[in-house]
Amino acid sequence: MAINDEIPKSRITLTYRTSVNGERAEKALPLRLLLMGSFSGGTSADSQKDLDQRQIRNLDGKNLDQVMKDMDIRLRFQVSNRIDPGNSEQLDVELPIDSMKSFTPLQIARNIPKVRALLLLRKLLLEQQGNLDNRKEFRRLVRELAQNPEAVSALKKELQDFNGLKIPRPSLSAGEASPPSDPAAKPQ
């Protein structure tokens, strides 16, 4: 007997009694469900069509990502701006939902422009750290640059376009200690 023929008692089984050629028989029916709803929140391309024009999608457990991609689901909402609060208090976020992987933190970060810029900055900083660690000549150039005030001011002028990528300092409320890197936090 095949494994697929044995259905555990915990599952829903539908049977009906019939007579075939005069003999009584029990016939097992497959359980099929039709779910109707706005699962895309109104952002699906199908939601603009009439109900009879919409495509019926079959979910078999293996094609969920493809169905999600076909539906073109998008989430739109606002979150508080913790990256650059001086610029605006809220960030408009639009997240495309193409698959179950769309819910991973890295994929969400890639879909928010300001967070994506911070990820790029992090990647660049890690590359520079690798350059500093692995190349003696580069370290020597950085030391020479740090000792030359004119070169430092010229570099600051070149980097002014990247001021928007600064990591903001957290604002302190009453009773909180200042961060250890702050000169005011050093004991007297």
C-alpha atoms as a PDB file:
ATOM      1  CA  MET A   1       0.000   0.000   0.000  1.00  0.00           C
ATOM      2  CA  ALA A   2       1.384   3.399  -0.951  1.00  0.00           C
ATOM      3  CA  ILE A   3       2.093   6.009   1.692  1.00  0.00           C
ATOM      4  CA  ASN A   4      -0.129   8.519  -0.117  1.00  0.00           C
ATOM      5  CA  ASP A   5      -3.133   6.196   0.207  1.00  0.00           C
ATOM      6  CA  GLU A   6      -2.983   6.304   3.996  1.00  0.00           C
ATOM      7  CA  ILE A   7      -4.461   9.508   5.319  1.00  0.00           C
ATOM      8  CA  PRO A   8      -3.888  10.258   8.989  1.00  0.00           C
ATOM      9  CA  LYS A   9      -6.993  10.627  11.136  1.00  0.00           C
ATOM     10  CA  SER A  10      -5.985  14.184  12.022  1.00  0.00           C
ATOM     11  CA  ARG A  11      -6.598  15.357   8.464  1.00  0.00           C
ATOM     12  CA  ILE A  12      -9.976  16.268   7.058  1.00  0.00           C
ATOM     13  CA  THR A  13     -11.355  13.500   4.887  1.00  0.00           C
ATOM     14  CA  LEU A  14     -14.515  13.815   2.894  1.00  0.00           C
ATOM     15  CA  THR A  15     -16.318  10.698   1.708  1.00  0.00           C
ATOM     16  CA  TYR A  16     -19.699  10.048   0.261  1.00  0.00           C
ATOM     17  CA  ARG A  17     -21.652   6.854  -0.175  1.00  0.00           C
ATOM     18  CA  THR A  18     -22.827   5.996  -3.635  1.00  0.00           C
ATOM     19  CA  SER A  19     -23.922   3.012  -5.572  1.00  0.00           C
ATOM     20  CA  VAL A  20     -21.904   2.021  -8.606  1.00  0.00           C
ATOM     21  CA  ASN A  21     -23.468  -0.681 -10.811  1.00  0.00           C
ATOM     22  CA  GLY A  22     -25.843  -1.554  -8.003  1.00  0.00           C
ATOM     23  CA  GLU A  23     -23.083  -1.964  -5.395  1.00  0.00           C
ATOM     24  CA  ARG A  24     -22.616   0.398  -2.479  1.00  0.00           C
ATOM     25  CA  ALA A  25     -19.250   2.155  -2.446  1.00  0.00           C
ATOM     26  CA  GLU A  26     -17.584   4.869  -0.434  1.00  0.00           C
ATOM     27  CA  LYS A  27     -15.838   7.461  -2.524  1.00  0.00           C
ATOM     28  CA  ALA A  28     -13.112   9.710  -1.046  1.00  0.00           C
ATOM     29  CA  LEU A  29     -13.204  13.315  -2.172  1.00  0.00           C
ATOM     30  CA  PRO A  30     -10.194  15.631  -2.226  1.00  0.00           C
ATOM     31  CA  LEU A  31     -10.396  18.691  -0.020  1.00  0.00           C
ATOM     32  CA  ARG A  32     -10.187  21.792  -2.160  1.00  0.00           C
ATOM     33  CA  LEU A  33     -10.646  25.315  -0.886  1.00  0.00           C
ATOM     34  CA  LEU A  34     -11.267  28.546  -2.733  1.00  0.00           C
ATOM     35  CA  LEU A  35     -10.103  31.573  -0.783  1.00  0.00           C
ATOM     36  CA  MET A  36     -11.266  34.960  -1.936  1.00  0.00           C
ATOM     37  CA  GLY A  37      -9.872  38.132  -0.515  1.00  0.00           C
ATOM     38  CA  SER A  38      -7.680  41.151  -1.044  1.00  0.00           C
ATOM     39  CA  PHE A  39      -4.390  39.603   0.043  1.00  0.00           C
ATOM     40  CA  SER A  40      -2.316  42.321  -1.629  1.00  0.00           C
ATOM     41  CA  GLY A  41      -3.970  45.212   0.165  1.00  0.00           C
ATOM     42  CA  GLY A  42      -5.283  46.550  -3.141  1.00  0.00           C
ATOM     43  CA  THR A  43      -1.834  46.872  -4.755  1.00  0.00           C
ATOM     44  CA  SER A  44      -2.147  43.820  -7.009  1.00  0.00           C
ATOM     45  CA  ALA A  45      -2.603  44.378 -10.736  1.00  0.00           C
ATOM     46  CA  ASP A  46      -5.610  42.034 -10.546  1.00  0.00           C
ATOM     47  CA  SER A  47      -7.389  44.241  -8.016  1.00  0.00           C
ATOM     48  CA  GLN A  48      -8.202  46.782 -10.747  1.00  0.00           C
ATOM     49  CA  LYS A  49      -9.992  44.119 -12.819  1.00  0.00           C
ATOM     50  CA  ASP A  50     -13.545  42.875 -12.393  1.00  0.00           C
ATOM     51  CA  LEU A  51     -13.928  39.764 -10.265  1.00  0.00           C
ATOM     52  CA  ASP A  52     -14.736  37.528 -13.240  1.00  0.00           C
ATOM     53  CA  GLN A  53     -11.635  38.825 -15.093  1.00  0.00           C
ATOM     54  CA  ARG A  54      -9.204  38.008 -12.291  1.00  0.00           C
ATOM     55  CA  GLN A  55      -6.811  35.112 -12.547  1.00  0.00           C
ATOM     56  CA  ILE A  56      -7.350  32.134 -10.246  1.00  0.00           C
ATOM     57  CA  ARG A  57      -4.049  31.201  -8.667  1.00  0.00           C
ATOM     58  CA  ASN A  58      -3.254  27.695  -7.489  1.00  0.00           C
ATOM     59  CA  LEU A  59      -1.047  27.373  -4.430  1.00  0.00           C
ATOM     60  CA  ASP A  60       0.649  24.031  -4.059  1.00  0.00           C
ATOM     61  CA  GLY A  61       3.279  24.916  -1.464  1.00  0.00           C
ATOM     62  CA  LYS A  62       6.048  25.146  -4.059  1.00  0.00           C
ATOM     63  CA  ASN A  63       4.889  28.152  -6.049  1.00  0.00           C
ATOM     64  CA  LEU A  64       4.179  30.687  -3.290  1.00  0.00           C
ATOM     65  CA  ASP A  65       7.092  32.940  -4.293  1.00  0.00           C
ATOM     66  CA  GLN A  66       5.963  32.960  -7.942  1.00  0.00           C
ATOM     67  CA  VAL A  67       2.380  33.808  -6.963  1.00  0.00           C
ATOM     68  CA  MET A  68       3.599  36.635  -4.718  1.00  0.00           C
ATOM     69  CA  LYS A  69       5.722  38.011  -7.557  1.00  0.00           C
ATOM     70  CA  ASP A  70       2.822  37.811 -10.027  1.00  0.00           C
ATOM     71  CA  MET A  71       0.540  39.680  -7.633  1.00  0.00           C
ATOM     72  CA  ASP A  72       3.032  42.602  -7.420  1.00  0.00           C
ATOM     73  CA  ILE A  73       2.288  43.229  -3.739  1.00  0.00           C
ATOM     74  CA  ARG A  74       3.620  46.472  -2.237  1.00  0.00           C
ATOM     75  CA  LEU A  75       3.430  47.742   1.322  1.00  0.00           C
ATOM     76  CA  ARG A  76       3.333  51.511   1.803  1.00  0.00           C
ATOM     77  CA  PHE A  77       3.682  53.093   5.230  1.00  0.00           C
ATOM     78  CA  GLN A  78       5.595  55.664   7.249  1.00  0.00           C
ATOM     79  CA  VAL A  79       8.173  55.046   9.951  1.00  0.00           C
ATOM     80  CA  SER A  80       9.906  57.448  12.293  1.00  0.00           C
ATOM     81  CA  ASN A  81      13.162  58.774  10.843  1.00  0.00           C
ATOM     82  CA  ARG A  82      15.987  57.641  13.116  1.00  0.00           C
ATOM     83  CA  ILE A  83      18.661  58.040  10.432  1.00  0.00           C
ATOM     84  CA  ASP A  84      18.369  61.765   9.750  1.00  0.00           C
ATOM     85  CA  PRO A  85      15.760  63.200  12.152  1.00  0.00           C
ATOM     86  CA  GLY A  86      16.803  66.796  11.418  1.00  0.00           C
ATOM     87  CA  ASN A  87      15.694  66.440   7.803  1.00  0.00           C
ATOM     88  CA  SER A  88      12.225  64.962   8.394  1.00  0.00           C
ATOM     89  CA  GLU A  89      10.457  63.179  11.222  1.00  0.00           C
ATOM     90  CA  GLN A  90       8.891  60.468   9.050  1.00  0.00           C
ATOM     91  CA  LEU A  91      10.213  58.306   6.217  1.00  0.00           C
ATOM     92  CA  ASP A  92       7.897  57.131   3.465  1.00  0.00           C
ATOM     93  CA  VAL A  93       8.585  53.443   2.897  1.00  0.00           C
ATOM     94  CA  GLU A  94       7.432  51.270   0.015  1.00  0.00           C
ATOM     95  CA  LEU A  95       8.392  47.614   0.248  1.00  0.00           C
ATOM     96  CA  PRO A  96       7.841  45.311  -2.735  1.00  0.00           C
ATOM     97  CA  ILE A  97       6.867  41.802  -1.650  1.00  0.00           C
ATOM     98  CA  ASP A  98       8.216  39.436  -4.311  1.00  0.00           C
ATOM     99  CA  SER A  99       8.776  36.337  -2.185  1.00  0.00           C
ATOM    100  CA  MET A 100       9.061  35.163   1.395  1.00  0.00           C
ATOM    101  CA  LYS A 101      12.659  36.440   1.324  1.00  0.00           C
ATOM    102  CA  SER A 102      11.238  39.967   1.040  1.00  0.00           C
ATOM    103  CA  PHE A 103      10.635  39.817   4.799  1.00  0.00           C
ATOM    104  CA  THR A 104      14.301  39.297   5.740  1.00  0.00           C
ATOM    105  CA  PRO A 105      15.994  42.264   7.455  1.00  0.00           C
ATOM    106  CA  LEU A 106      18.622  42.628   4.715  1.00  0.00           C
ATOM    107  CA  GLN A 107      16.026  42.702   1.932  1.00  0.00           C
ATOM    108  CA  ILE A 108      13.926  45.250   3.829  1.00  0.00           C
ATOM    109  CA  ALA A 109      17.034  47.402   4.348  1.00  0.00           C
ATOM    110  CA  ARG A 110      17.832  47.229   0.623  1.00  0.00           C
ATOM    111  CA  ASN A 111      14.371  48.569  -0.221  1.00  0.00           C
ATOM    112  CA  ILE A 112      14.619  51.688   1.982  1.00  0.00           C
ATOM    113  CA  PRO A 113      16.882  54.258   0.255  1.00  0.00           C
ATOM    114  CA  LYS A 114      18.339  55.838   3.420  1.00  0.00           C
ATOM    115  CA  VAL A 115      19.095  52.471   4.991  1.00  0.00           C
ATOM    116  CA  ARG A 116      20.521  51.230   1.680  1.00  0.00           C
ATOM    117  CA  ALA A 117      22.878  54.253   1.693  1.00  0.00           C
ATOM    118  CA  LEU A 118      24.023  53.314   5.208  1.00  0.00           C
ATOM    119  CA  LEU A 119      24.636  49.734   4.060  1.00  0.00           C
ATOM    120  CA  LEU A 120      26.742  51.046   1.187  1.00  0.00           C
ATOM    121  CA  LEU A 121      28.649  53.315   3.566  1.00  0.00           C
ATOM    122  CA  ARG A 122      29.252  50.346   5.867  1.00  0.00           C
ATOM    123  CA  LYS A 123      30.538  48.285   2.949  1.00  0.00           C
ATOM    124  CA  LEU A 124      32.886  51.086   1.881  1.00  0.00           C
ATOM    125  CA  LEU A 125      34.176  51.510   5.429  1.00  0.00           C
ATOM    126  CA  LEU A 126      34.844  47.780   5.738  1.00  0.00           C
ATOM    127  CA  GLU A 127      36.745  47.863   2.439  1.00  0.00           C
ATOM    128  CA  GLN A 128      38.810  50.796   3.674  1.00  0.00           C
ATOM    129  CA  GLN A 129      39.494  49.008   6.928  1.00  0.00           C
ATOM    130  CA  GLY A 130      40.745  46.054   4.901  1.00  0.00           C
ATOM    131  CA  ASN A 131      42.968  48.416   2.898  1.00  0.00           C
ATOM    132  CA  LEU A 132      44.401  49.887   6.076  1.00  0.00           C
ATOM    133  CA  ASP A 133      45.055  46.500   7.601  1.00  0.00           C
ATOM    134  CA  ASN A 134      46.638  44.931   4.533  1.00  0.00           C
ATOM    135  CA  ARG A 135      48.651  47.699   2.864  1.00  0.00           C
ATOM    136  CA  LYS A 136      51.609  49.358   4.556  1.00  0.00           C
ATOM    137  CA  GLU A 137      51.921  51.954   1.792  1.00  0.00           C
ATOM    138  CA  PHE A 138      48.316  53.051   2.271  1.00  0.00           C
ATOM    139  CA  ARG A 139      48.802  53.364   6.048  1.00  0.00           C
ATOM    140  CA  ARG A 140      51.878  55.497   5.424  1.00  0.00           C
ATOM    141  CA  LEU A 141      49.874  57.795   3.112  1.00  0.00           C
ATOM    142  CA  VAL A 142      47.119  58.159   5.723  1.00  0.00           C
ATOM    143  CA  ARG A 143      49.675  59.055   8.406  1.00  0.00           C
ATOM    144  CA  GLU A 144      51.254  61.669   6.111  1.00  0.00           C
ATOM    145  CA  LEU A 145      47.814  63.086   5.354  1.00  0.00           C
ATOM    146  CA  ALA A 146      46.960  63.307   9.063  1.00  0.00           C
ATOM    147  CA  GLN A 147      50.179  65.231   9.760  1.00  0.00           C
ATOM    148  CA  ASN A 148      49.546  67.770   6.970  1.00  0.00           C
ATOM    149  CA  PRO A 149      46.793  70.254   8.048  1.00  0.00           C
ATOM    150  CA  GLU A 150      46.426  71.679   4.515  1.00  0.00           C
ATOM    151  CA  ALA A 151      45.791  68.223   3.067  1.00  0.00           C
ATOM    152  CA  VAL A 152      43.263  67.477   5.821  1.00  0.00           C
ATOM    153  CA  SER A 153      41.314  70.677   5.065  1.00  0.00           C
ATOM    154  CA  ALA A 154      41.378  69.886   1.326  1.00  0.00           C
ATOM    155  CA  LEU A 155      40.036  66.397   2.042  1.00  0.00           C
ATOM    156  CA  LYS A 156      37.278  67.845   4.252  1.00  0.00           C
ATOM    157  CA  LYS A 157      36.201  70.128   1.380  1.00  0.00           C
ATOM    158  CA  GLU A 158      36.031  67.144  -0.977  1.00  0.00           C
ATOM    159  CA  LEU A 159      33.959  65.133   1.505  1.00  0.00           C
ATOM    160  CA  GLN A 160      31.384  67.887   2.188  1.00  0.00           C
ATOM    161  CA  ASP A 161      29.025  66.303  -0.354  1.00  0.00           C
ATOM    162  CA  PHE A 162      28.767  63.267   1.939  1.00  0.00           C
ATOM    163  CA  ASN A 163      27.596  65.206   5.028  1.00  0.00           C
ATOM    164  CA  GLY A 164      24.137  63.643   4.683  1.00  0.00           C
ATOM    165  CA  LEU A 165      25.635  60.229   5.412  1.00  0.00           C
ATOM    166  CA  LYS A 166      26.772  61.129   8.906  1.00  0.00           C
ATOM    167  CA  ILE A 167      25.426  58.955  11.680  1.00  0.00           C
ATOM    168  CA  PRO A 168      23.398  61.245  13.949  1.00  0.00           C
ATOM    169  CA  ARG A 169      24.293  61.510  17.602  1.00  0.00           C
ATOM    170  CA  PRO A 170      21.542  60.334  19.914  1.00  0.00           C
ATOM    171  CA  SER A 171      19.821  63.115  21.790  1.00  0.00           C
ATOM    172  CA  LEU A 172      20.055  62.735  25.558  1.00  0.00           C
ATOM    173  CA  SER A 173      17.098  63.127  27.843  1.00  0.00           C
ATOM    174  CA  ALA A 174      17.441  64.231  31.443  1.00  0.00           C
ATOM    175  CA  GLY A 175      19.118  61.628  33.623  1.00  0.00           C
ATOM    176  CA  GLU A 176      20.938  59.786  30.823  1.00  0.00           C
ATOM    177  CA  ALA A 177      24.713  59.654  30.738  1.00  0.00           C
ATOM    178  CA  SER A 178      26.548  60.926  27.682  1.00  0.00           C
ATOM    179  CA  PRO A 179      28.287  58.350  25.467  1.00  0.00           C
ATOM    180  CA  PRO A 180      31.830  57.345  26.467  1.00  0.00           C
ATOM    181  CA  SER A 181      33.331  58.794  23.267  1.00  0.00           C
ATOM    182  CA  ASP A 182      32.055  62.237  24.260  1.00  0.00           C
ATOM    183  CA  PRO A 183      34.819  64.385  25.849  1.00  0.00           C
ATOM    184  CA  ALA A 184      32.302  65.654  28.421  1.00  0.00           C
ATOM    185  CA  ALA A 185      31.974  62.104  29.771  1.00  0.00           C
ATOM    186  CA  LYS A 186      35.628  61.825  30.849  1.00  0.00           C
ATOM    187  CA  PRO A 187      36.111  61.874  34.619  1.00  0.00           C
ATOM    188  CA  GLN A 188      37.750  64.974  36.030  1.00  0.00           C
END
